[in-house]
Each structure stands twice: as structure tokens, then as C-alpha cells.
Amino acid sequence: MAYSEQFMRRAIALSVDNVKRGGGPFAAVIVKDGVVVAEGTNRVTADHDPTAHAEVNAIRQAASRLGTFDLTGCDLYSSCEPCPMCLGAIYWAHLDHLYYGCDKHDAARAGFDDSFIYDEIALRPADRRLPSAQVLHAEALQAFEDWMKKEDRVEY
């Protein structure tokens, strides 16, 4: 798995600049065929959006620019190991490679500790800190039944 120092350094520079501008210390760059197709920084506080992480912002921008939800053929360079939400988005986007600078332990030392989320995911919903209950299951199944019957569905 070969990576480009140029693109990794770009992600790092974006993260440093984002801190100077009042944002979080995270940035991501998406590359296809040796060309940057998207860049994202952490905009959680600036946009009042808890999902506005650098990787998610870069994925949204790349998908929009490339006109597809499938980013196969693209690589993601992140200033830090992605959180669980971003890692999920990376898998859903079908990116080919992930390269990152800092790891989750570096992030935790800076106050961005996601370990509780990893711990929560492993628990049964009833045992998680977030009170959860499955309700109206039979009614909710209708959408899945309709989806499975749909001849022209687009798999993702």
C-alpha cells in the first residue's frame, strides 16, 4: 500500500490551519488518480453540526464533485485516525485506502476520546448509556419489504 507524502502533508497542513482559524485539529484529503478531488476540515463548532467531521465533509464533497456515492478508486488522507462515525462513512463510501497521521490515542490526549463509542457499539442496545428501545417493528419492516421487491433499486 503506497501513499503520497504530498497528500498526507496537505491533510496535516489543513488541520494546523483549521486550528488557527478556530476549528478542530482535523483535516482530510481525498485523491483519485493522483489528483485531489476533495478536502475537508472539522467544522463541528463553526457549522453547529456534530457530523461535520473532516472525513465526512471530504466524502460529501468528493461524492458531489464526482457525481457518485461510490468512491472506489479514491484514497483518503486524514490528519488523524478516524472516529467511529467517520470510519463507518469511509467504509460506506468504498474508499480504496486510508492513510492517517495521528492515532486515536493522540486524539484522546487532546480531549477527543472516542473509546466510549467503541465500547458502546459492542453492547446490546438495552445495555448502552443511550436509552434505546425497538418499537413498531412490524410496521417498520414495510419499507424493507418494499425495498427487497423493488426491481430498479440501486444497491449500495
Protein backbone atom coordinates (compact mmCIF):
# COMPACT_ATOMS: atom_id res chain seq x y z
CA MET A 1 0.00 0.00 0.00
CA ALA A 2 1.87 3.05 -1.24
CA TYR A 3 0.98 6.50 -0.04
CA SER A 4 1.93 10.01 -1.05
CA GLU A 5 3.74 12.22 1.44
CA GLN A 6 2.47 15.21 -0.54
CA PHE A 7 -1.19 14.40 0.15
CA MET A 8 -0.52 13.45 3.77
CA ARG A 9 1.31 16.72 4.30
CA ARG A 10 -1.63 18.57 2.73
CA ALA A 11 -4.03 16.99 5.25
CA ILE A 12 -1.69 17.90 8.10
CA ALA A 13 -1.33 21.49 6.87
CA LEU A 14 -5.10 21.83 6.59
CA SER A 15 -5.52 20.57 10.16
CA VAL A 16 -2.95 23.05 11.52
CA ASP A 17 -4.59 25.90 9.59
CA ASN A 18 -8.04 24.85 10.81
CA VAL A 19 -6.89 25.18 14.43
CA LYS A 20 -5.56 28.68 13.68
CA ARG A 21 -8.98 29.59 12.25
CA GLY A 22 -10.81 28.35 15.35
CA GLY A 23 -11.69 24.86 14.14
CA GLY A 24 -10.80 21.41 15.38
CA PRO A 25 -7.43 19.78 14.71
CA PHE A 26 -8.65 17.51 11.94
CA ALA A 27 -8.48 17.57 8.14
CA ALA A 28 -8.86 15.10 5.28
CA VAL A 29 -7.95 14.96 1.61
CA ILE A 30 -9.45 12.60 -0.98
CA VAL A 31 -7.35 11.72 -4.01
CA LYS A 32 -8.28 9.94 -7.25
CA ASP A 33 -5.71 9.07 -9.89
CA GLY A 34 -3.13 11.32 -8.24
CA VAL A 35 -5.41 14.37 -8.17
CA VAL A 36 -7.07 15.94 -5.11
CA VAL A 37 -10.83 15.74 -5.62
CA ALA A 38 -11.90 16.94 -2.17
CA GLU A 39 -10.65 18.44 1.06
CA GLY A 40 -12.44 18.69 4.37
CA THR A 41 -11.77 20.13 7.77
CA ASN A 42 -13.54 19.75 11.07
CA ARG A 43 -16.45 22.22 11.07
CA VAL A 44 -18.41 20.92 14.07
CA THR A 45 -18.42 24.16 16.05
CA ALA A 46 -18.37 26.52 13.06
CA ASP A 47 -21.36 24.86 11.40
CA HIS A 48 -23.13 23.78 14.60
CA ASP A 49 -23.15 20.27 13.16
CA PRO A 50 -21.89 17.29 15.19
CA THR A 51 -21.44 15.30 11.95
CA ALA A 52 -19.24 17.92 10.27
CA HIS A 53 -16.03 15.96 10.79
CA ALA A 54 -13.20 16.39 8.30
CA GLU A 55 -13.56 12.95 6.72
CA VAL A 56 -17.34 13.23 6.35
CA ASN A 57 -17.01 16.71 4.84
CA ALA A 58 -14.39 15.46 2.37
CA ILE A 59 -16.52 12.44 1.44
CA ARG A 60 -19.57 14.64 0.84
CA GLN A 61 -17.51 16.99 -1.34
CA ALA A 62 -15.89 14.15 -3.33
CA ALA A 63 -19.20 12.39 -3.92
CA SER A 64 -20.79 15.61 -5.10
CA ARG A 65 -17.89 16.53 -7.40
CA LEU A 66 -17.60 13.03 -8.86
CA GLY A 67 -21.36 12.55 -9.10
CA THR A 68 -21.38 9.22 -7.27
CA PHE A 69 -21.84 7.74 -3.81
CA ASP A 70 -19.23 5.07 -4.60
CA LEU A 71 -15.72 6.43 -4.15
CA THR A 72 -13.98 3.27 -5.29
CA GLY A 73 -10.67 4.30 -6.82
CA CYS A 74 -10.12 7.05 -4.27
CA ASP A 75 -7.77 7.24 -1.30
CA LEU A 76 -8.33 9.23 1.87
CA TYR A 77 -5.56 11.02 3.75
CA SER A 78 -6.54 12.13 7.25
CA SER A 79 -4.57 14.08 9.81
CA CYS A 80 -5.84 11.66 12.46
CA GLU A 81 -7.22 8.12 12.72
CA PRO A 82 -10.95 8.47 12.02
CA CYS A 83 -13.56 8.28 14.76
CA PRO A 84 -16.19 5.51 14.60
CA MET A 85 -18.65 7.71 12.66
CA CYS A 86 -16.05 8.69 10.08
CA LEU A 87 -14.71 5.15 9.79
CA GLY A 88 -18.25 3.98 9.06
CA ALA A 89 -18.62 6.67 6.38
CA ILE A 90 -15.29 5.63 4.86
CA TYR A 91 -16.45 2.03 4.58
CA TRP A 92 -19.84 3.08 3.15
CA ALA A 93 -18.06 5.26 0.56
CA HIS A 94 -15.92 2.30 -0.57
CA LEU A 95 -12.65 4.23 -0.46
CA ASP A 96 -9.66 2.13 -1.53
CA HIS A 97 -7.15 3.20 1.12
CA LEU A 98 -6.99 5.17 4.35
CA TYR A 99 -3.81 6.89 5.50
CA TYR A 100 -3.65 8.84 8.75
CA GLY A 101 -1.11 10.78 10.80
CA CYS A 102 -2.09 10.81 14.47
CA ASP A 103 -3.86 7.87 16.07
CA LYS A 104 -6.87 7.63 18.37
CA HIS A 105 -4.60 7.77 21.43
CA ASP A 106 -3.15 11.11 20.29
CA ALA A 107 -6.70 12.37 19.80
CA ALA A 108 -7.75 11.18 23.26
CA ARG A 109 -4.83 13.03 24.87
CA ALA A 110 -6.06 16.20 23.15
CA GLY A 111 -9.60 15.71 24.52
CA PHE A 112 -11.14 13.79 21.61
CA ASP A 113 -11.62 10.38 23.23
CA ASP A 114 -13.91 8.12 21.20
CA SER A 115 -13.18 4.94 23.15
CA PHE A 116 -16.57 5.08 24.87
CA ILE A 117 -18.28 4.83 21.46
CA TYR A 118 -16.32 1.72 20.54
CA ASP A 119 -17.27 0.26 23.93
CA GLU A 120 -20.94 1.17 23.46
CA ILE A 121 -21.13 -0.39 19.97
CA ALA A 122 -20.11 -3.75 21.43
CA LEU A 123 -23.02 -3.70 23.91
CA ARG A 124 -26.60 -4.85 23.36
CA PRO A 125 -28.80 -1.78 22.72
CA ALA A 126 -30.55 -2.29 26.07
CA ASP A 127 -27.20 -2.09 27.87
CA ARG A 128 -25.95 1.13 26.27
CA ARG A 129 -25.82 4.50 28.04
CA LEU A 130 -28.22 5.92 25.45
CA PRO A 131 -31.68 4.60 26.38
CA SER A 132 -32.90 2.65 23.36
CA ALA A 133 -35.97 0.56 22.59
CA GLN A 134 -37.19 -1.16 19.46
CA VAL A 135 -40.76 -0.09 18.73
CA LEU A 136 -43.30 -0.68 15.93
CA HIS A 137 -41.03 -3.31 14.40
CA ALA A 138 -43.70 -4.95 12.24
CA GLU A 139 -44.74 -1.59 10.76
CA ALA A 140 -41.16 -0.51 10.19
CA LEU A 141 -40.42 -3.71 8.25
CA GLN A 142 -42.69 -2.50 5.44
CA ALA A 143 -40.00 -0.25 3.96
CA PHE A 144 -37.52 -3.15 3.85
CA GLU A 145 -40.09 -5.47 2.31
CA ASP A 146 -40.87 -2.85 -0.35
CA TRP A 147 -37.14 -2.34 -0.97
CA MET A 148 -36.49 -6.06 -1.47
CA LYS A 149 -39.33 -6.26 -4.03
CA LYS A 150 -38.14 -3.19 -5.93
CA GLU A 151 -36.76 -4.27 -9.33
CA ASP A 152 -34.93 -0.99 -10.04
CA ARG A 153 -33.25 -0.50 -6.67
CA VAL A 154 -29.69 0.79 -6.65
CA GLU A 155 -27.58 -1.34 -4.34
CA TYR A 156 -25.12 0.38 -2.07
